[in-house]
């Protein structure tokens, strides 16, 4: 891949009008090594996802787990009744 194919994103100054277009997210991370982004599909970053992230980190990776929507660690998830 040639360098001209790559796009660079420059973060705007926090107090600028441009910065108001973006929403910040909480990102949990752990480990050391090549980076992996682990994204949840249920509302909130659940303990199940975090446990999977810990397993990945134990294999020698840095795991980034952004909270895309919902709140982190919302409690028990997945009970069917």
PDB file of N, CA and C in Angstrom:
ATOM      1  N   UNK A   1       0.842  -1.173   0.000  1.00  0.00           N
ATOM      2  CA  UNK A   1       0.000   0.000   0.000  1.00  0.00           C
ATOM      3  C   UNK A   1       0.890   1.239   0.000  1.00  0.00           C
ATOM      4  N   UNK A   2       0.592   2.127  -0.878  1.00  0.00           N
ATOM      5  CA  UNK A   2       1.350   3.372  -0.960  1.00  0.00           C
ATOM      6  C   UNK A   2       0.839   4.365   0.079  1.00  0.00           C
ATOM      7  N   UNK A   3       1.725   5.255   0.519  1.00  0.00           N
ATOM      8  CA  UNK A   3       1.352   6.245   1.527  1.00  0.00           C
ATOM      9  C   UNK A   3       0.216   7.152   1.072  1.00  0.00           C
ATOM     10  N   UNK A   4       0.106   7.400  -0.228  1.00  0.00           N
ATOM     11  CA  UNK A   4      -0.940   8.311  -0.694  1.00  0.00           C
ATOM     12  C   UNK A   4      -2.336   7.711  -0.537  1.00  0.00           C
ATOM     13  N   UNK A   5      -2.438   6.403  -0.277  1.00  0.00           N
ATOM     14  CA  UNK A   5      -3.733   5.773  -0.044  1.00  0.00           C
ATOM     15  C   UNK A   5      -4.247   6.010   1.377  1.00  0.00           C
ATOM     16  N   UNK A   6      -3.365   6.389   2.280  1.00  0.00           N
ATOM     17  CA  UNK A   6      -3.725   6.542   3.684  1.00  0.00           C
ATOM     18  C   UNK A   6      -4.343   7.906   3.950  1.00  0.00           C
ATOM     19  N   UNK A   7      -5.311   7.922   4.866  1.00  0.00           N
ATOM     20  CA  UNK A   7      -5.945   9.162   5.292  1.00  0.00           C
ATOM     21  C   UNK A   7      -5.532   9.448   6.729  1.00  0.00           C
ATOM     22  N   UNK A   8      -5.309  10.695   7.051  1.00  0.00           N
ATOM     23  CA  UNK A   8      -4.934  11.081   8.406  1.00  0.00           C
ATOM     24  C   UNK A   8      -6.060  11.893   9.012  1.00  0.00           C
ATOM     25  N   UNK A   9      -6.380  11.609  10.263  1.00  0.00           N
ATOM     26  CA  UNK A   9      -7.379  12.382  10.985  1.00  0.00           C
ATOM     27  C   UNK A   9      -6.666  13.236  12.019  1.00  0.00           C
ATOM     28  N   UNK A  10      -6.860  14.532  11.953  1.00  0.00           N
ATOM     29  CA  UNK A  10      -6.299  15.447  12.940  1.00  0.00           C
ATOM     30  C   UNK A  10      -7.418  15.872  13.883  1.00  0.00           C
ATOM     31  N   UNK A  11      -7.229  15.628  15.172  1.00  0.00           N
ATOM     32  CA  UNK A  11      -8.237  16.002  16.143  1.00  0.00           C
ATOM     33  C   UNK A  11      -8.328  17.523  16.242  1.00  0.00           C
ATOM     34  N   UNK A  12      -9.545  18.057  16.263  1.00  0.00           N
ATOM     35  CA  UNK A  12      -9.695  19.514  16.402  1.00  0.00           C
ATOM     36  C   UNK A  12      -9.426  19.949  17.835  1.00  0.00           C
ATOM     37  N   UNK A  13      -9.143  21.215  18.004  1.00  0.00           N
ATOM     38  CA  UNK A  13      -8.979  21.777  19.343  1.00  0.00           C
ATOM     39  C   UNK A  13     -10.287  21.596  20.117  1.00  0.00           C
ATOM     40  N   UNK A  14     -10.174  21.255  21.416  1.00  0.00           N
ATOM     41  CA  UNK A  14     -11.363  20.945  22.222  1.00  0.00           C
ATOM     42  C   UNK A  14     -12.421  22.045  22.227  1.00  0.00           C
ATOM     43  N   UNK A  15     -12.013  23.287  22.235  1.00  0.00           N
ATOM     44  CA  UNK A  15     -12.970  24.388  22.367  1.00  0.00           C
ATOM     45  C   UNK A  15     -13.456  24.916  21.013  1.00  0.00           C
ATOM     46  N   UNK A  16     -13.064  24.275  19.924  1.00  0.00           N
ATOM     47  CA  UNK A  16     -13.437  24.787  18.604  1.00  0.00           C
ATOM     48  C   UNK A  16     -14.831  24.324  18.188  1.00  0.00           C
ATOM     49  N   UNK A  17     -15.411  25.026  17.207  1.00  0.00           N
ATOM     50  CA  UNK A  17     -16.712  24.631  16.659  1.00  0.00           C
ATOM     51  C   UNK A  17     -16.615  23.253  16.012  1.00  0.00           C
ATOM     52  N   UNK A  18     -15.489  22.934  15.419  1.00  0.00           N
ATOM     53  CA  UNK A  18     -15.285  21.638  14.775  1.00  0.00           C
ATOM     54  C   UNK A  18     -15.387  20.493  15.798  1.00  0.00           C
ATOM     55  N   UNK A  19     -14.883  20.711  17.010  1.00  0.00           N
ATOM     56  CA  UNK A  19     -14.899  19.670  18.040  1.00  0.00           C
ATOM     57  C   UNK A  19     -16.315  19.347  18.490  1.00  0.00           C
ATOM     58  N   UNK A  20     -17.231  20.278  18.367  1.00  0.00           N
ATOM     59  CA  UNK A  20     -18.620  20.040  18.799  1.00  0.00           C
ATOM     60  C   UNK A  20     -19.336  19.032  17.906  1.00  0.00           C
ATOM     61  N   UNK A  21     -18.771  18.706  16.755  1.00  0.00           N
ATOM     62  CA  UNK A  21     -19.367  17.720  15.849  1.00  0.00           C
ATOM     63  C   UNK A  21     -19.141  16.292  16.329  1.00  0.00           C
ATOM     64  N   UNK A  22     -18.176  16.077  17.213  1.00  0.00           N
ATOM     65  CA  UNK A  22     -17.758  14.750  17.615  1.00  0.00           C
ATOM     66  C   UNK A  22     -18.202  14.445  19.036  1.00  0.00           C
ATOM     67  N   UNK A  23     -18.440  13.170  19.309  1.00  0.00           N
ATOM     68  CA  UNK A  23     -18.820  12.737  20.647  1.00  0.00           C
ATOM     69  C   UNK A  23     -17.705  11.849  21.184  1.00  0.00           C
ATOM     70  N   UNK A  24     -17.265  12.117  22.392  1.00  0.00           N
ATOM     71  CA  UNK A  24     -16.201  11.306  22.972  1.00  0.00           C
ATOM     72  C   UNK A  24     -16.777   9.993  23.503  1.00  0.00           C
ATOM     73  N   UNK A  25     -15.940   8.990  23.591  1.00  0.00           N
ATOM     74  CA  UNK A  25     -16.325   7.672  24.082  1.00  0.00           C
ATOM     75  C   UNK A  25     -15.332   7.216  25.145  1.00  0.00           C
ATOM     76  N   UNK A  26     -15.811   6.457  26.105  1.00  0.00           N
ATOM     77  CA  UNK A  26     -14.940   5.838  27.089  1.00  0.00           C
ATOM     78  C   UNK A  26     -14.321   4.606  26.448  1.00  0.00           C
ATOM     79  N   UNK A  27     -13.023   4.442  26.607  1.00  0.00           N
ATOM     80  CA  UNK A  27     -12.326   3.281  26.054  1.00  0.00           C
ATOM     81  C   UNK A  27     -11.525   2.616  27.176  1.00  0.00           C
ATOM     82  N   UNK A  28     -11.829   1.346  27.420  1.00  0.00           N
ATOM     83  CA  UNK A  28     -11.052   0.541  28.359  1.00  0.00           C
ATOM     84  C   UNK A  28      -9.994  -0.201  27.554  1.00  0.00           C
ATOM     85  N   UNK A  29      -8.815  -0.381  28.140  1.00  0.00           N
ATOM     86  CA  UNK A  29      -7.766  -1.125  27.442  1.00  0.00           C
ATOM     87  C   UNK A  29      -6.886  -1.836  28.444  1.00  0.00           C
ATOM     88  N   UNK A  30      -6.243  -2.907  27.973  1.00  0.00           N
ATOM     89  CA  UNK A  30      -5.279  -3.624  28.782  1.00  0.00           C
ATOM     90  C   UNK A  30      -4.377  -4.434  27.879  1.00  0.00           C
ATOM     91  N   UNK A  31      -3.241  -4.839  28.418  1.00  0.00           N
ATOM     92  CA  UNK A  31      -2.308  -5.679  27.693  1.00  0.00           C
ATOM     93  C   UNK A  31      -1.173  -4.900  27.062  1.00  0.00           C
ATOM     94  N   UNK A  32      -0.314  -5.646  26.378  1.00  0.00           N
ATOM     95  CA  UNK A  32       0.827  -5.074  25.671  1.00  0.00           C
ATOM     96  C   UNK A  32       1.074  -5.931  24.437  1.00  0.00           C
ATOM     97  N   UNK A  33       1.352  -5.297  23.344  1.00  0.00           N
ATOM     98  CA  UNK A  33       1.594  -6.014  22.098  1.00  0.00           C
ATOM     99  C   UNK A  33       0.764  -5.412  20.974  1.00  0.00           C
ATOM    100  N   UNK A  34       0.561  -6.149  19.897  1.00  0.00           N
ATOM    101  CA  UNK A  34      -0.230  -5.645  18.777  1.00  0.00           C
ATOM    102  C   UNK A  34      -1.654  -5.294  19.228  1.00  0.00           C
ATOM    103  N   UNK A  35      -2.223  -4.267  18.633  1.00  0.00           N
ATOM    104  CA  UNK A  35      -3.531  -3.780  19.049  1.00  0.00           C
ATOM    105  C   UNK A  35      -4.696  -4.529  18.445  1.00  0.00           C
ATOM    106  N   UNK A  36      -5.731  -4.727  19.260  1.00  0.00           N
ATOM    107  CA  UNK A  36      -6.985  -5.340  18.842  1.00  0.00           C
ATOM    108  C   UNK A  36      -8.107  -4.464  19.371  1.00  0.00           C
ATOM    109  N   UNK A  37      -9.093  -4.149  18.530  1.00  0.00           N
ATOM    110  CA  UNK A  37     -10.268  -3.402  18.973  1.00  0.00           C
ATOM    111  C   UNK A  37     -11.404  -4.406  19.142  1.00  0.00           C
ATOM    112  N   UNK A  38     -11.933  -4.499  20.348  1.00  0.00           N
ATOM    113  CA  UNK A  38     -13.023  -5.417  20.662  1.00  0.00           C
ATOM    114  C   UNK A  38     -14.277  -4.585  20.897  1.00  0.00           C
ATOM    115  N   UNK A  39     -15.265  -4.758  20.023  1.00  0.00           N
ATOM    116  CA  UNK A  39     -16.481  -3.938  20.092  1.00  0.00           C
ATOM    117  C   UNK A  39     -17.664  -4.797  20.524  1.00  0.00           C
ATOM    118  N   UNK A  40     -18.464  -4.271  21.452  1.00  0.00           N
ATOM    119  CA  UNK A  40     -19.642  -4.988  21.936  1.00  0.00           C
ATOM    120  C   UNK A  40     -20.820  -4.741  21.003  1.00  0.00           C
ATOM    121  N   UNK A  41     -21.799  -5.670  21.002  1.00  0.00           N
ATOM    122  CA  UNK A  41     -22.992  -5.481  20.186  1.00  0.00           C
ATOM    123  C   UNK A  41     -24.242  -5.286  21.025  1.00  0.00           C
ATOM    124  N   UNK A  42     -24.190  -5.612  22.305  1.00  0.00           N
ATOM    125  CA  UNK A  42     -25.302  -5.357  23.210  1.00  0.00           C
ATOM    126  C   UNK A  42     -25.062  -4.019  23.892  1.00  0.00           C
ATOM    127  N   UNK A  43     -26.129  -3.359  24.388  1.00  0.00           N
ATOM    128  CA  UNK A  43     -25.921  -2.080  25.068  1.00  0.00           C
ATOM    129  C   UNK A  43     -24.985  -2.216  26.261  1.00  0.00           C
ATOM    130  N   UNK A  44     -23.961  -1.402  26.280  1.00  0.00           N
ATOM    131  CA  UNK A  44     -22.998  -1.391  27.376  1.00  0.00           C
ATOM    132  C   UNK A  44     -21.907  -2.420  27.184  1.00  0.00           C
ATOM    133  N   UNK A  45     -20.756  -2.108  27.695  1.00  0.00           N
ATOM    134  CA  UNK A  45     -19.632  -3.049  27.705  1.00  0.00           C
ATOM    135  C   UNK A  45     -19.872  -4.004  28.861  1.00  0.00           C
ATOM    136  N   UNK A  46     -20.213  -5.257  28.550  1.00  0.00           N
ATOM    137  CA  UNK A  46     -20.578  -6.217  29.592  1.00  0.00           C
ATOM    138  C   UNK A  46     -19.344  -6.924  30.145  1.00  0.00           C
ATOM    139  N   UNK A  47     -19.545  -7.591  31.252  1.00  0.00           N
ATOM    140  CA  UNK A  47     -18.465  -8.355  31.870  1.00  0.00           C
ATOM    141  C   UNK A  47     -18.034  -9.507  30.964  1.00  0.00           C
ATOM    142  N   UNK A  48     -18.960 -10.056  30.186  1.00  0.00           N
ATOM    143  CA  UNK A  48     -18.625 -11.123  29.239  1.00  0.00           C
ATOM    144  C   UNK A  48     -17.613 -10.635  28.199  1.00  0.00           C
ATOM    145  N   UNK A  49     -17.857  -9.451  27.673  1.00  0.00           N
ATOM    146  CA  UNK A  49     -16.950  -8.876  26.672  1.00  0.00           C
ATOM    147  C   UNK A  49     -15.607  -8.564  27.321  1.00  0.00           C
ATOM    148  N   UNK A  50     -15.628  -7.989  28.515  1.00  0.00           N
ATOM    149  CA  UNK A  50     -14.386  -7.674  29.218  1.00  0.00           C
ATOM    150  C   UNK A  50     -13.577  -8.940  29.505  1.00  0.00           C
ATOM    151  N   UNK A  51     -14.265 -10.036  29.874  1.00  0.00           N
ATOM    152  CA  UNK A  51     -13.553 -11.301  30.108  1.00  0.00           C
ATOM    153  C   UNK A  51     -12.900 -11.805  28.825  1.00  0.00           C
ATOM    154  N   UNK A  52     -13.602 -11.683  27.708  1.00  0.00           N
ATOM    155  CA  UNK A  52     -13.017 -12.079  26.426  1.00  0.00           C
ATOM    156  C   UNK A  52     -11.807 -11.200  26.113  1.00  0.00           C
ATOM    157  N   UNK A  53     -11.907  -9.905  26.408  1.00  0.00           N
ATOM    158  CA  UNK A  53     -10.782  -8.995  26.222  1.00  0.00           C
ATOM    159  C   UNK A  53      -9.587  -9.392  27.069  1.00  0.00           C
ATOM    160  N   UNK A  54      -9.843  -9.841  28.293  1.00  0.00           N
ATOM    161  CA  UNK A  54      -8.753 -10.309  29.158  1.00  0.00           C
ATOM    162  C   UNK A  54      -8.070 -11.544  28.567  1.00  0.00           C
ATOM    163  N   UNK A  55      -8.858 -12.432  27.982  1.00  0.00           N
ATOM    164  CA  UNK A  55      -8.284 -13.628  27.349  1.00  0.00           C
ATOM    165  C   UNK A  55      -7.394 -13.244  26.168  1.00  0.00           C
ATOM    166  N   UNK A  56      -7.836 -12.273  25.387  1.00  0.00           N
ATOM    167  CA  UNK A  56      -7.039 -11.810  24.248  1.00  0.00           C
ATOM    168  C   UNK A  56      -5.744 -11.169  24.740  1.00  0.00           C
ATOM    169  N   UNK A  57      -5.843 -10.347  25.782  1.00  0.00           N
ATOM    170  CA  UNK A  57      -4.652  -9.689  26.341  1.00  0.00           C
ATOM    171  C   UNK A  57      -3.671 -10.713  26.891  1.00  0.00           C
ATOM    172  N   UNK A  58      -4.184 -11.793  27.477  1.00  0.00           N
ATOM    173  CA  UNK A  58      -3.310 -12.847  28.005  1.00  0.00           C
ATOM    174  C   UNK A  58      -2.514 -13.539  26.896  1.00  0.00           C
ATOM    175  N   UNK A  59      -2.978 -13.434  25.661  1.00  0.00           N
ATOM    176  CA  UNK A  59      -2.279 -14.040  24.514  1.00  0.00           C
ATOM    177  C   UNK A  59      -1.201 -13.110  23.952  1.00  0.00           C
ATOM    178  N   UNK A  60      -1.047 -11.906  24.553  1.00  0.00           N
ATOM    179  CA  UNK A  60       0.028 -11.011  24.134  1.00  0.00           C
ATOM    180  C   UNK A  60      -0.397  -9.832  23.280  1.00  0.00           C
ATOM    181  N   UNK A  61      -1.657  -9.449  23.367  1.00  0.00           N
ATOM    182  CA  UNK A  61      -2.164  -8.326  22.585  1.00  0.00           C
ATOM    183  C   UNK A  61      -2.566  -7.176  23.499  1.00  0.00           C
ATOM    184  N   UNK A  62      -2.632  -5.973  22.934  1.00  0.00           N
ATOM    185  CA  UNK A  62      -3.246  -4.844  23.610  1.00  0.00           C
ATOM    186  C   UNK A  62      -4.683  -4.781  23.117  1.00  0.00           C
ATOM    187  N   UNK A  63      -5.637  -4.815  24.031  1.00  0.00           N
ATOM    188  CA  UNK A  63      -7.052  -4.840  23.673  1.00  0.00           C
ATOM    189  C   UNK A  63      -7.675  -3.501  24.042  1.00  0.00           C
ATOM    190  N   UNK A  64      -8.331  -2.889  23.070  1.00  0.00           N
ATOM    191  CA  UNK A  64      -9.064  -1.639  23.282  1.00  0.00           C
ATOM    192  C   UNK A  64     -10.548  -1.967  23.204  1.00  0.00           C
ATOM    193  N   UNK A  65     -11.302  -1.596  24.238  1.00  0.00           N
ATOM    194  CA  UNK A  65     -12.732  -1.896  24.309  1.00  0.00           C
ATOM    195  C   UNK A  65     -13.520  -0.605  24.479  1.00  0.00           C
ATOM    196  N   UNK A  66     -13.920   0.038  23.375  1.00  0.00           N
ATOM    197  CA  UNK A  66     -14.702   1.268  23.490  1.00  0.00           C
ATOM    198  C   UNK A  66     -16.148   0.974  23.889  1.00  0.00           C
ATOM    199  N   UNK A  67     -16.731   1.861  24.668  1.00  0.00           N
ATOM    200  CA  UNK A  67     -18.147   1.762  25.015  1.00  0.00           C
ATOM    201  C   UNK A  67     -18.895   2.535  23.927  1.00  0.00           C
ATOM    202  N   UNK A  68     -19.445   1.802  22.964  1.00  0.00           N
ATOM    203  CA  UNK A  68     -20.075   2.418  21.800  1.00  0.00           C
ATOM    204  C   UNK A  68     -21.426   3.030  22.157  1.00  0.00           C
ATOM    205  N   UNK A  69     -22.255   2.281  22.906  1.00  0.00           N
ATOM    206  CA  UNK A  69     -23.536   2.803  23.366  1.00  0.00           C
ATOM    207  C   UNK A  69     -23.889   2.100  24.671  1.00  0.00           C
ATOM    208  N   UNK A  70     -24.753   2.712  25.454  1.00  0.00           N
ATOM    209  CA  UNK A  70     -25.050   2.187  26.777  1.00  0.00           C
ATOM    210  C   UNK A  70     -23.980   2.625  27.764  1.00  0.00           C
ATOM    211  N   UNK A  71     -24.007   2.040  28.951  1.00  0.00           N
ATOM    212  CA  UNK A  71     -23.010   2.386  29.965  1.00  0.00           C
ATOM    213  C   UNK A  71     -22.166   1.151  30.259  1.00  0.00           C
ATOM    214  N   UNK A  72     -20.942   1.364  30.707  1.00  0.00           N
ATOM    215  CA  UNK A  72     -20.078   0.215  30.964  1.00  0.00           C
ATOM    216  C   UNK A  72     -20.574  -0.628  32.141  1.00  0.00           C
ATOM    217  N   UNK A  73     -20.474  -1.938  31.976  1.00  0.00           N
ATOM    218  CA  UNK A  73     -20.799  -2.922  33.000  1.00  0.00           C
ATOM    219  C   UNK A  73     -22.203  -2.709  33.582  1.00  0.00           C
ATOM    220  N   UNK A  74     -23.233  -2.875  32.724  1.00  0.00           N
ATOM    221  CA  UNK A  74     -24.603  -2.602  33.144  1.00  0.00           C
ATOM    222  C   UNK A  74     -25.199  -3.633  34.107  1.00  0.00           C
ATOM    223  N   UNK A  75     -24.522  -4.733  34.367  1.00  0.00           N
ATOM    224  CA  UNK A  75     -25.055  -5.769  35.247  1.00  0.00           C
ATOM    225  C   UNK A  75     -25.306  -7.049  34.462  1.00  0.00           C
ATOM    226  N   UNK A  76     -26.071  -7.968  35.054  1.00  0.00           N
ATOM    227  CA  UNK A  76     -26.312  -9.257  34.386  1.00  0.00           C
ATOM    228  C   UNK A  76     -26.983  -9.070  33.025  1.00  0.00           C
ATOM    229  N   UNK A  77     -26.423  -9.735  32.027  1.00  0.00           N
ATOM    230  CA  UNK A  77     -26.964  -9.663  30.671  1.00  0.00           C
ATOM    231  C   UNK A  77     -27.036 -11.084  30.133  1.00  0.00           C
ATOM    232  N   UNK A  78     -28.070 -11.387  29.388  1.00  0.00           N
ATOM    233  CA  UNK A  78     -28.138 -12.680  28.721  1.00  0.00           C
ATOM    234  C   UNK A  78     -29.050 -13.677  29.395  1.00  0.00           C
ATOM    235  N   UNK A  79     -29.676 -13.330  30.505  1.00  0.00           N
ATOM    236  CA  UNK A  79     -30.604 -14.253  31.145  1.00  0.00           C
ATOM    237  C   UNK A  79     -31.883 -14.334  30.309  1.00  0.00           C
ATOM    238  N   UNK A  80     -32.323 -15.527  30.030  1.00  0.00           N
ATOM    239  CA  UNK A  80     -33.502 -15.712  29.183  1.00  0.00           C
ATOM    240  C   UNK A  80     -34.769 -15.972  29.979  1.00  0.00           C
ATOM    241  N   UNK A  81     -34.699 -15.889  31.256  1.00  0.00           N
ATOM    242  CA  UNK A  81     -35.937 -16.050  32.008  1.00  0.00           C
ATOM    243  C   UNK A  81     -35.799 -16.957  33.105  1.00  0.00           C
TER     244      UNK A  81
END
